[in-house]
Amino acid sequence: MACGEKNLIINADGYGFTSGINRGIEETVEHGVVTSISVNANCEAASELAVFAQRYPRVSIGIHLNPVVGRPLSDPHTIPTLVNAAGELHYRDFTRRLLRGLIDPVELFTELTAQIRHVRKMGVEISHLDSHQGLHLYPPYFRVFLRVVAASGVARMRTHAHYMLADTLWRRPALIGFYLGHPYRLVTHSWARYEMWQARRQGVKMADRLLSTERNSDKADLSRWLQLLRNVPAGWSEVFCHPAYPDDELRHWATYVDERLTEVRVMTCDETKAEIARCGIRLRSFHEL
């Protein structure tokens, strides 16, 4: 690989969560710059994944591990701490229960590996792992996550070594100001780097950095995307996005909704593609990592 080469994985999260998300992601793959996706395997619309994989073999497909929303793939009776009385995952109560030790790690491992098996049964090659809302970064979950990596043989994951894009580009004073204003981010980002070190010790491959902005809504702002692309450093970088056509199912489960349609437009517009070419960025997938 040439010295100074800029490699960028653009990963669309949440395939399978709703049909509207599938439609948005497929459009950004077909006409845009998305090179990788992560699938919520336990959701009904994930049934469309096998056709997607056949249509777009160059796109890397990861699992958006999801013990949080919807119904599990495991028999609810075998994972009682993961589900409520209706047999559904705990959703907003998951994190509280996890941190209070009310989630059995054996049951969590059971459901996460069931999601991996489900995708493999579709005949889909799994390129990498990440998780719904990044909740695997909580220590009780991350310990299980590393066991899932070892048991599954999926040896690539999303990095959480954040490379922050501040309002005044990548200048150090702006980043210092950002962390002073958001001290909890300094703690969580530092802890995430330690966890990435743990994963690498286990042989897990990942990009050098995760390109991040201050707010989710920045991903629906074309000017912010162009700014991000102009500042992609040499090496391997990943950035995630959430393109979708909003539907009732998405509105039921999410607060970040209408902005996702704008992300479809940003990910497919000529300005984005032209900026990638102008900056000498090579679009990659997890297959090439």
C-alpha atoms as a PDB file:
ATOM      1  CA  MET A   1       0.000   0.000   0.000  1.00  0.00           C
ATOM      2  CA  ALA A   2       1.391   3.380  -1.020  1.00  0.00           C
ATOM      3  CA  CYS A   3       2.700   5.625   1.736  1.00  0.00           C
ATOM      4  CA  GLY A   4       0.210   8.341   2.625  1.00  0.00           C
ATOM      5  CA  GLU A   5      -2.738   6.636   0.943  1.00  0.00           C
ATOM      6  CA  LYS A   6      -6.146   7.688   2.278  1.00  0.00           C
ATOM      7  CA  ASN A   7      -8.462   4.698   2.709  1.00  0.00           C
ATOM      8  CA  LEU A   8     -12.035   5.281   3.872  1.00  0.00           C
ATOM      9  CA  ILE A   9     -14.786   2.821   4.791  1.00  0.00           C
ATOM     10  CA  ILE A  10     -18.239   4.441   4.702  1.00  0.00           C
ATOM     11  CA  ASN A  11     -20.530   2.121   6.655  1.00  0.00           C
ATOM     12  CA  ALA A  12     -24.324   2.456   6.693  1.00  0.00           C
ATOM     13  CA  ASP A  13     -25.783   1.216   9.972  1.00  0.00           C
ATOM     14  CA  GLY A  14     -29.081  -0.516  10.625  1.00  0.00           C
ATOM     15  CA  TYR A  15     -29.884  -2.539   7.517  1.00  0.00           C
ATOM     16  CA  GLY A  16     -32.860  -4.749   8.321  1.00  0.00           C
ATOM     17  CA  PHE A  17     -34.205  -2.523  11.079  1.00  0.00           C
ATOM     18  CA  THR A  18     -37.028  -1.312   8.808  1.00  0.00           C
ATOM     19  CA  SER A  19     -37.840  -1.545   5.110  1.00  0.00           C
ATOM     20  CA  GLY A  20     -37.342   2.216   4.794  1.00  0.00           C
ATOM     21  CA  ILE A  21     -33.805   1.901   6.112  1.00  0.00           C
ATOM     22  CA  ASN A  22     -33.128  -0.906   3.639  1.00  0.00           C
ATOM     23  CA  ARG A  23     -34.350   1.259   0.776  1.00  0.00           C
ATOM     24  CA  GLY A  24     -32.168   4.203   1.819  1.00  0.00           C
ATOM     25  CA  ILE A  25     -29.068   2.059   2.254  1.00  0.00           C
ATOM     26  CA  GLU A  26     -29.579   0.277  -1.056  1.00  0.00           C
ATOM     27  CA  GLU A  27     -29.866   3.623  -2.838  1.00  0.00           C
ATOM     28  CA  THR A  28     -26.624   4.911  -1.289  1.00  0.00           C
ATOM     29  CA  VAL A  29     -24.843   1.720  -2.323  1.00  0.00           C
ATOM     30  CA  GLU A  30     -26.243   1.747  -5.866  1.00  0.00           C
ATOM     31  CA  HIS A  31     -25.820   5.442  -6.629  1.00  0.00           C
ATOM     32  CA  GLY A  32     -23.538   6.746  -3.895  1.00  0.00           C
ATOM     33  CA  VAL A  33     -20.483   6.161  -1.785  1.00  0.00           C
ATOM     34  CA  VAL A  34     -21.475   3.605   0.854  1.00  0.00           C
ATOM     35  CA  THR A  35     -19.098   0.622   0.749  1.00  0.00           C
ATOM     36  CA  SER A  36     -20.152  -1.323   3.826  1.00  0.00           C
ATOM     37  CA  ILE A  37     -23.271  -2.011   5.899  1.00  0.00           C
ATOM     38  CA  SER A  38     -24.187  -3.401   9.314  1.00  0.00           C
ATOM     39  CA  VAL A  39     -27.380  -5.418   9.734  1.00  0.00           C
ATOM     40  CA  ASN A  40     -29.813  -5.673  12.650  1.00  0.00           C
ATOM     41  CA  ALA A  41     -30.213  -9.416  12.215  1.00  0.00           C
ATOM     42  CA  ASN A  42     -33.104  -9.892  14.649  1.00  0.00           C
ATOM     43  CA  CYS A  43     -35.464  -7.539  12.799  1.00  0.00           C
ATOM     44  CA  GLU A  44     -38.036  -8.657  10.239  1.00  0.00           C
ATOM     45  CA  ALA A  45     -36.685  -6.600   7.330  1.00  0.00           C
ATOM     46  CA  ALA A  46     -33.339  -8.380   7.660  1.00  0.00           C
ATOM     47  CA  SER A  47     -34.921 -11.089   5.509  1.00  0.00           C
ATOM     48  CA  GLU A  48     -33.977  -8.909   2.501  1.00  0.00           C
ATOM     49  CA  LEU A  49     -30.258  -9.297   3.266  1.00  0.00           C
ATOM     50  CA  ALA A  50     -29.564 -12.409   1.170  1.00  0.00           C
ATOM     51  CA  VAL A  51     -30.766 -10.683  -2.005  1.00  0.00           C
ATOM     52  CA  PHE A  52     -28.756  -7.571  -1.116  1.00  0.00           C
ATOM     53  CA  ALA A  53     -25.581  -9.631  -0.641  1.00  0.00           C
ATOM     54  CA  GLN A  54     -25.992 -11.281  -4.033  1.00  0.00           C
ATOM     55  CA  ARG A  55     -26.627  -7.955  -5.743  1.00  0.00           C
ATOM     56  CA  TYR A  56     -23.684  -6.129  -4.112  1.00  0.00           C
ATOM     57  CA  PRO A  57     -20.886  -8.651  -3.496  1.00  0.00           C
ATOM     58  CA  ARG A  58     -18.239  -5.934  -3.053  1.00  0.00           C
ATOM     59  CA  VAL A  59     -20.056  -4.405  -0.100  1.00  0.00           C
ATOM     60  CA  SER A  60     -18.864  -5.708   3.265  1.00  0.00           C
ATOM     61  CA  ILE A  61     -21.657  -6.860   5.561  1.00  0.00           C
ATOM     62  CA  GLY A  62     -21.278  -6.715   9.325  1.00  0.00           C
ATOM     63  CA  ILE A  63     -23.598  -7.468  12.224  1.00  0.00           C
ATOM     64  CA  HIS A  64     -25.094  -4.541  14.143  1.00  0.00           C
ATOM     65  CA  LEU A  65     -25.368  -6.676  17.280  1.00  0.00           C
ATOM     66  CA  ASN A  66     -28.694  -5.869  18.885  1.00  0.00           C
ATOM     67  CA  PRO A  67     -29.761  -7.134  22.316  1.00  0.00           C
ATOM     68  CA  VAL A  68     -31.759  -3.921  22.785  1.00  0.00           C
ATOM     69  CA  VAL A  69     -34.678  -3.447  20.374  1.00  0.00           C
ATOM     70  CA  GLY A  70     -37.376  -5.773  19.060  1.00  0.00           C
ATOM     71  CA  ARG A  71     -37.692  -9.485  19.628  1.00  0.00           C
ATOM     72  CA  PRO A  72     -34.688 -11.776  20.117  1.00  0.00           C
ATOM     73  CA  LEU A  73     -33.758 -14.619  17.804  1.00  0.00           C
ATOM     74  CA  SER A  74     -33.278 -16.914  20.791  1.00  0.00           C
ATOM     75  CA  ASP A  75     -36.205 -18.543  22.558  1.00  0.00           C
ATOM     76  CA  PRO A  76     -37.220 -15.913  25.163  1.00  0.00           C
ATOM     77  CA  HIS A  77     -37.486 -18.634  27.795  1.00  0.00           C
ATOM     78  CA  THR A  78     -33.749 -19.335  27.435  1.00  0.00           C
ATOM     79  CA  ILE A  79     -32.733 -15.681  27.955  1.00  0.00           C
ATOM     80  CA  PRO A  80     -35.075 -14.412  30.691  1.00  0.00           C
ATOM     81  CA  THR A  81     -32.854 -11.511  31.806  1.00  0.00           C
ATOM     82  CA  LEU A  82     -32.778 -10.084  28.269  1.00  0.00           C
ATOM     83  CA  VAL A  83     -36.539  -9.883  27.749  1.00  0.00           C
ATOM     84  CA  ASN A  84     -39.641  -8.431  29.361  1.00  0.00           C
ATOM     85  CA  ALA A  85     -42.905 -10.218  30.131  1.00  0.00           C
ATOM     86  CA  ALA A  86     -43.942  -9.924  26.472  1.00  0.00           C
ATOM     87  CA  GLY A  87     -40.779 -11.673  25.312  1.00  0.00           C
ATOM     88  CA  GLU A  88     -39.344  -8.460  23.826  1.00  0.00           C
ATOM     89  CA  LEU A  89     -35.887  -7.014  24.414  1.00  0.00           C
ATOM     90  CA  HIS A  90     -35.768  -4.356  27.123  1.00  0.00           C
ATOM     91  CA  TYR A  91     -35.124  -1.379  24.784  1.00  0.00           C
ATOM     92  CA  ARG A  92     -34.684   1.772  26.915  1.00  0.00           C
ATOM     93  CA  ASP A  93     -34.225  -0.285  30.067  1.00  0.00           C
ATOM     94  CA  PHE A  94     -31.368  -2.372  28.665  1.00  0.00           C
ATOM     95  CA  THR A  95     -28.498  -0.094  29.715  1.00  0.00           C
ATOM     96  CA  ARG A  96     -29.789   0.354  33.262  1.00  0.00           C
ATOM     97  CA  ARG A  97     -30.219  -3.385  33.671  1.00  0.00           C
ATOM     98  CA  LEU A  98     -26.782  -4.059  32.170  1.00  0.00           C
ATOM     99  CA  LEU A  99     -25.001  -1.672  34.531  1.00  0.00           C
ATOM    100  CA  ARG A 100     -26.878  -3.029  37.568  1.00  0.00           C
ATOM    101  CA  GLY A 101     -25.772  -6.568  36.775  1.00  0.00           C
ATOM    102  CA  LEU A 102     -29.291  -7.692  35.845  1.00  0.00           C
ATOM    103  CA  ILE A 103     -28.276  -8.991  32.398  1.00  0.00           C
ATOM    104  CA  ASP A 104     -26.841 -12.506  32.513  1.00  0.00           C
ATOM    105  CA  PRO A 105     -23.645 -12.518  30.394  1.00  0.00           C
ATOM    106  CA  VAL A 106     -24.270 -16.118  29.323  1.00  0.00           C
ATOM    107  CA  GLU A 107     -27.686 -15.127  27.995  1.00  0.00           C
ATOM    108  CA  LEU A 108     -26.212 -12.079  26.254  1.00  0.00           C
ATOM    109  CA  PHE A 109     -23.617 -14.319  24.590  1.00  0.00           C
ATOM    110  CA  THR A 110     -26.394 -16.719  23.548  1.00  0.00           C
ATOM    111  CA  GLU A 111     -28.418 -14.028  21.781  1.00  0.00           C
ATOM    112  CA  LEU A 112     -25.471 -12.321  20.092  1.00  0.00           C
ATOM    113  CA  THR A 113     -24.147 -15.587  18.667  1.00  0.00           C
ATOM    114  CA  ALA A 114     -27.683 -16.483  17.536  1.00  0.00           C
ATOM    115  CA  GLN A 115     -27.738 -13.292  15.465  1.00  0.00           C
ATOM    116  CA  ILE A 116     -24.450 -14.228  13.827  1.00  0.00           C
ATOM    117  CA  ARG A 117     -25.675 -17.754  13.047  1.00  0.00           C
ATOM    118  CA  HIS A 118     -28.876 -16.328  11.563  1.00  0.00           C
ATOM    119  CA  VAL A 119     -26.968 -14.238   9.033  1.00  0.00           C
ATOM    120  CA  ARG A 120     -24.652 -17.099   8.143  1.00  0.00           C
ATOM    121  CA  LYS A 121     -27.653 -19.331   7.470  1.00  0.00           C
ATOM    122  CA  MET A 122     -28.620 -16.837   4.750  1.00  0.00           C
ATOM    123  CA  GLY A 123     -25.319 -17.643   3.051  1.00  0.00           C
ATOM    124  CA  VAL A 124     -23.908 -14.192   3.827  1.00  0.00           C
ATOM    125  CA  GLU A 125     -20.227 -13.711   4.663  1.00  0.00           C
ATOM    126  CA  ILE A 126     -19.866 -11.590   7.804  1.00  0.00           C
ATOM    127  CA  SER A 127     -17.043  -9.076   7.495  1.00  0.00           C
ATOM    128  CA  HIS A 128     -17.136  -7.280  10.848  1.00  0.00           C
ATOM    129  CA  LEU A 129     -18.997  -6.614  14.086  1.00  0.00           C
ATOM    130  CA  ASP A 130     -20.347  -3.458  15.689  1.00  0.00           C
ATOM    131  CA  SER A 131     -23.442  -2.848  17.793  1.00  0.00           C
ATOM    132  CA  HIS A 132     -26.727  -1.014  18.069  1.00  0.00           C
ATOM    133  CA  GLN A 133     -26.060   2.394  19.702  1.00  0.00           C
ATOM    134  CA  GLY A 134     -22.459   1.323  20.418  1.00  0.00           C
ATOM    135  CA  LEU A 135     -23.604  -0.168  23.714  1.00  0.00           C
ATOM    136  CA  HIS A 136     -21.009  -2.948  23.555  1.00  0.00           C
ATOM    137  CA  LEU A 137     -18.497  -0.374  24.846  1.00  0.00           C
ATOM    138  CA  TYR A 138     -19.951  -0.672  28.360  1.00  0.00           C
ATOM    139  CA  PRO A 139     -17.485  -2.952  30.212  1.00  0.00           C
ATOM    140  CA  PRO A 140     -19.951  -5.749  31.137  1.00  0.00           C
ATOM    141  CA  TYR A 141     -21.063  -5.954  27.508  1.00  0.00           C
ATOM    142  CA  PHE A 142     -17.546  -5.575  26.048  1.00  0.00           C
ATOM    143  CA  ARG A 143     -16.296  -8.618  27.946  1.00  0.00           C
ATOM    144  CA  VAL A 144     -19.042 -10.656  26.304  1.00  0.00           C
ATOM    145  CA  PHE A 145     -18.379  -8.974  22.948  1.00  0.00           C
ATOM    146  CA  LEU A 146     -14.765 -10.201  22.969  1.00  0.00           C
ATOM    147  CA  ARG A 147     -15.982 -13.732  23.709  1.00  0.00           C
ATOM    148  CA  VAL A 148     -18.390 -13.455  20.762  1.00  0.00           C
ATOM    149  CA  VAL A 149     -15.534 -12.343  18.506  1.00  0.00           C
ATOM    150  CA  ALA A 150     -13.419 -15.331  19.548  1.00  0.00           C
ATOM    151  CA  ALA A 151     -16.259 -17.843  19.231  1.00  0.00           C
ATOM    152  CA  SER A 152     -17.518 -16.552  15.869  1.00  0.00           C
ATOM    153  CA  GLY A 153     -14.166 -16.112  14.145  1.00  0.00           C
ATOM    154  CA  VAL A 154     -15.254 -12.688  12.884  1.00  0.00           C
ATOM    155  CA  ALA A 155     -11.950 -10.935  13.427  1.00  0.00           C
ATOM    156  CA  ARG A 156     -12.806  -7.398  12.274  1.00  0.00           C
ATOM    157  CA  MET A 157     -14.751  -4.732  14.114  1.00  0.00           C
ATOM    158  CA  ARG A 158     -15.557  -1.050  14.084  1.00  0.00           C
ATOM    159  CA  THR A 159     -12.887   0.937  15.840  1.00  0.00           C
ATOM    160  CA  HIS A 160     -13.896   3.415  18.517  1.00  0.00           C
ATOM    161  CA  ALA A 161     -10.636   5.343  18.440  1.00  0.00           C
ATOM    162  CA  HIS A 162     -12.434   8.604  17.727  1.00  0.00           C
ATOM    163  CA  TYR A 163     -10.901  11.230  15.470  1.00  0.00           C
ATOM    164  CA  MET A 164     -13.001  14.288  16.206  1.00  0.00           C
ATOM    165  CA  LEU A 165     -13.983  16.828  13.586  1.00  0.00           C
ATOM    166  CA  ALA A 166     -14.425  20.117  15.430  1.00  0.00           C
ATOM    167  CA  ASP A 167     -16.171  23.207  14.050  1.00  0.00           C
ATOM    168  CA  THR A 168     -12.816  24.722  13.096  1.00  0.00           C
ATOM    169  CA  LEU A 169     -11.502  21.612  11.332  1.00  0.00           C
ATOM    170  CA  TRP A 170      -8.978  19.400  13.108  1.00  0.00           C
ATOM    171  CA  ARG A 171      -7.176  22.166  15.026  1.00  0.00           C
ATOM    172  CA  ARG A 172      -5.973  21.196  18.488  1.00  0.00           C
ATOM    173  CA  PRO A 173      -7.391  24.267  20.287  1.00  0.00           C
ATOM    174  CA  ALA A 174     -10.875  23.464  18.994  1.00  0.00           C
ATOM    175  CA  LEU A 175     -10.639  19.897  20.242  1.00  0.00           C
ATOM    176  CA  ILE A 176      -9.382  21.010  23.647  1.00  0.00           C
ATOM    177  CA  GLY A 177     -12.361  23.346  23.858  1.00  0.00           C
ATOM    178  CA  PHE A 178     -14.714  20.549  22.826  1.00  0.00           C
ATOM    179  CA  TYR A 179     -13.479  18.166  25.514  1.00  0.00           C
ATOM    180  CA  LEU A 180     -13.492  20.896  28.166  1.00  0.00           C
ATOM    181  CA  GLY A 181     -17.129  21.496  27.290  1.00  0.00           C
ATOM    182  CA  HIS A 182     -17.945  17.777  27.209  1.00  0.00           C
ATOM    183  CA  PRO A 183     -15.688  16.154  29.839  1.00  0.00           C
ATOM    184  CA  TYR A 184     -17.689  12.916  29.796  1.00  0.00           C
ATOM    185  CA  ARG A 185     -16.662  12.513  26.130  1.00  0.00           C
ATOM    186  CA  LEU A 186     -13.012  12.647  27.150  1.00  0.00           C
ATOM    187  CA  VAL A 187     -13.630   9.804  29.609  1.00  0.00           C
ATOM    188  CA  THR A 188     -15.686   7.661  27.224  1.00  0.00           C
ATOM    189  CA  HIS A 189     -13.380   8.199  24.259  1.00  0.00           C
ATOM    190  CA  SER A 190     -10.309   7.384  26.379  1.00  0.00           C
ATOM    191  CA  TRP A 191     -11.937   4.212  27.711  1.00  0.00           C
ATOM    192  CA  ALA A 192     -12.923   3.194  24.190  1.00  0.00           C
ATOM    193  CA  ARG A 193      -9.304   3.466  23.075  1.00  0.00           C
ATOM    194  CA  TYR A 194      -8.301   1.132  25.906  1.00  0.00           C
ATOM    195  CA  GLU A 195     -10.956  -1.353  24.764  1.00  0.00           C
ATOM    196  CA  MET A 196      -9.667  -1.158  21.188  1.00  0.00           C
ATOM    197  CA  TRP A 197      -6.212  -1.987  22.539  1.00  0.00           C
ATOM    198  CA  GLN A 198      -7.707  -5.030  24.271  1.00  0.00           C
ATOM    199  CA  ALA A 199      -9.379  -6.143  21.050  1.00  0.00           C
ATOM    200  CA  ARG A 200      -6.191  -5.748  19.023  1.00  0.00           C
ATOM    201  CA  ARG A 201      -4.348  -7.878  21.573  1.00  0.00           C
ATOM    202  CA  GLN A 202      -6.922 -10.566  20.791  1.00  0.00           C
ATOM    203  CA  GLY A 203      -6.074 -10.303  17.089  1.00  0.00           C
ATOM    204  CA  VAL A 204      -9.028  -8.197  15.991  1.00  0.00           C
ATOM    205  CA  LYS A 205      -8.477  -5.952  12.962  1.00  0.00           C
ATOM    206  CA  MET A 206      -9.990  -2.493  12.675  1.00  0.00           C
ATOM    207  CA  ALA A 207      -9.433   0.840  10.981  1.00  0.00           C
ATOM    208  CA  ASP A 208      -6.934   3.265  12.481  1.00  0.00           C
ATOM    209  CA  ARG A 209      -9.644   5.694  13.542  1.00  0.00           C
ATOM    210  CA  LEU A 210     -13.372   6.431  13.541  1.00  0.00           C
ATOM    211  CA  LEU A 211     -14.152   9.835  12.065  1.00  0.00           C
ATOM    212  CA  SER A 212     -16.565  11.593  14.419  1.00  0.00           C
ATOM    213  CA  THR A 213     -18.486  14.837  14.613  1.00  0.00           C
ATOM    214  CA  GLU A 214     -20.077  16.548  17.589  1.00  0.00           C
ATOM    215  CA  ARG A 215     -23.701  15.708  16.740  1.00  0.00           C
ATOM    216  CA  ASN A 216     -25.525  12.977  14.840  1.00  0.00           C
ATOM    217  CA  SER A 217     -27.283  15.667  12.820  1.00  0.00           C
ATOM    218  CA  ASP A 218     -23.908  16.709  11.343  1.00  0.00           C
ATOM    219  CA  LYS A 219     -24.179  13.602   9.131  1.00  0.00           C
ATOM    220  CA  ALA A 220     -27.217  15.214   7.460  1.00  0.00           C
ATOM    221  CA  ASP A 221     -25.279  18.385   6.591  1.00  0.00           C
ATOM    222  CA  LEU A 222     -23.536  18.329   3.211  1.00  0.00           C
ATOM    223  CA  SER A 223     -21.092  21.069   4.198  1.00  0.00           C
ATOM    224  CA  ARG A 224     -19.994  19.046   7.236  1.00  0.00           C
ATOM    225  CA  TRP A 225     -19.473  15.945   5.116  1.00  0.00           C
ATOM    226  CA  LEU A 226     -17.364  17.901   2.632  1.00  0.00           C
ATOM    227  CA  GLN A 227     -15.349  19.318   5.537  1.00  0.00           C
ATOM    228  CA  LEU A 228     -14.858  15.816   6.935  1.00  0.00           C
ATOM    229  CA  LEU A 229     -13.682  14.471   3.574  1.00  0.00           C
ATOM    230  CA  ARG A 230     -11.141  17.287   3.198  1.00  0.00           C
ATOM    231  CA  ASN A 231      -9.601  16.259   6.506  1.00  0.00           C
ATOM    232  CA  VAL A 232      -9.370  12.481   6.090  1.00  0.00           C
ATOM    233  CA  PRO A 233      -5.806  11.597   7.168  1.00  0.00           C
ATOM    234  CA  ALA A 234      -3.534   8.996   5.625  1.00  0.00           C
ATOM    235  CA  GLY A 235      -4.126   5.407   6.663  1.00  0.00           C
ATOM    236  CA  TRP A 236      -7.421   3.601   7.273  1.00  0.00           C
ATOM    237  CA  SER A 237     -10.472   5.507   8.495  1.00  0.00           C
ATOM    238  CA  GLU A 238     -14.096   4.535   9.048  1.00  0.00           C
ATOM    239  CA  VAL A 239     -17.164   6.724   9.245  1.00  0.00           C
ATOM    240  CA  PHE A 240     -20.723   5.525   9.767  1.00  0.00           C
ATOM    241  CA  CYS A 241     -23.970   6.985   8.489  1.00  0.00           C
ATOM    242  CA  HIS A 242     -27.710   6.307   8.793  1.00  0.00           C
ATOM    243  CA  PRO A 243     -29.405   6.806   5.407  1.00  0.00           C
ATOM    244  CA  ALA A 244     -33.079   5.847   5.315  1.00  0.00           C
ATOM    245  CA  TYR A 245     -36.526   6.611   4.009  1.00  0.00           C
ATOM    246  CA  PRO A 246     -38.414   7.279   7.264  1.00  0.00           C
ATOM    247  CA  ASP A 247     -41.375   4.994   7.921  1.00  0.00           C
ATOM    248  CA  ASP A 248     -43.743   4.382  10.816  1.00  0.00           C
ATOM    249  CA  GLU A 249     -41.611   1.572  12.236  1.00  0.00           C
ATOM    250  CA  LEU A 250     -38.554   3.823  12.382  1.00  0.00           C
ATOM    251  CA  ARG A 251     -40.537   6.638  14.006  1.00  0.00           C
ATOM    252  CA  HIS A 252     -41.728   4.211  16.666  1.00  0.00           C
ATOM    253  CA  TRP A 253     -38.219   3.184  17.712  1.00  0.00           C
ATOM    254  CA  ALA A 254     -35.967   6.157  16.925  1.00  0.00           C
ATOM    255  CA  THR A 255     -35.615   9.877  17.587  1.00  0.00           C
ATOM    256  CA  TYR A 256     -33.134  10.469  14.759  1.00  0.00           C
ATOM    257  CA  VAL A 257     -35.572  10.064  11.861  1.00  0.00           C
ATOM    258  CA  ASP A 258     -36.180  12.793   9.269  1.00  0.00           C
ATOM    259  CA  GLU A 259     -32.487  13.648   9.038  1.00  0.00           C
ATOM    260  CA  ARG A 260     -31.881  10.180   7.616  1.00  0.00           C
ATOM    261  CA  LEU A 261     -33.569  11.104   4.343  1.00  0.00           C
ATOM    262  CA  THR A 262     -31.161  14.027   4.007  1.00  0.00           C
ATOM    263  CA  GLU A 263     -28.326  11.561   4.584  1.00  0.00           C
ATOM    264  CA  VAL A 264     -29.539   9.599   1.535  1.00  0.00           C
ATOM    265  CA  ARG A 265     -29.218  12.756  -0.537  1.00  0.00           C
ATOM    266  CA  VAL A 266     -25.792  13.605   0.894  1.00  0.00           C
ATOM    267  CA  MET A 267     -24.498  10.076   0.272  1.00  0.00           C
ATOM    268  CA  THR A 268     -25.662  10.071  -3.358  1.00  0.00           C
ATOM    269  CA  CYS A 269     -24.989  13.637  -4.490  1.00  0.00           C
ATOM    270  CA  ASP A 270     -22.398  14.592  -7.080  1.00  0.00           C
ATOM    271  CA  GLU A 271     -20.643  17.027  -4.713  1.00  0.00           C
ATOM    272  CA  THR A 272     -19.829  14.262  -2.233  1.00  0.00           C
ATOM    273  CA  LYS A 273     -18.470  11.957  -4.922  1.00  0.00           C
ATOM    274  CA  ALA A 274     -16.474  14.772  -6.507  1.00  0.00           C
ATOM    275  CA  GLU A 275     -14.909  15.745  -3.170  1.00  0.00           C
ATOM    276  CA  ILE A 276     -13.826  12.152  -2.541  1.00  0.00           C
ATOM    277  CA  ALA A 277     -12.099  12.098  -5.928  1.00  0.00           C
ATOM    278  CA  ARG A 278     -10.570  15.559  -5.460  1.00  0.00           C
ATOM    279  CA  CYS A 279      -9.120  14.582  -2.066  1.00  0.00           C
ATOM    280  CA  GLY A 280      -7.586  11.401  -3.427  1.00  0.00           C
ATOM    281  CA  ILE A 281      -9.619   9.169  -1.089  1.00  0.00           C
ATOM    282  CA  ARG A 282      -9.899   5.471  -1.896  1.00  0.00           C
ATOM    283  CA  LEU A 283     -13.239   4.024  -0.855  1.00  0.00           C
ATOM    284  CA  ARG A 284     -12.716   0.647   0.795  1.00  0.00           C
ATOM    285  CA  SER A 285     -14.662  -2.061   2.580  1.00  0.00           C
ATOM    286  CA  PHE A 286     -13.919  -4.273   5.574  1.00  0.00           C
ATOM    287  CA  HIS A 287     -13.051  -7.051   3.108  1.00  0.00           C
ATOM    288  CA  GLU A 288      -9.866  -5.144   2.261  1.00  0.00           C
ATOM    289  CA  LEU A 289      -8.842  -4.265   5.830  1.00  0.00           C
END
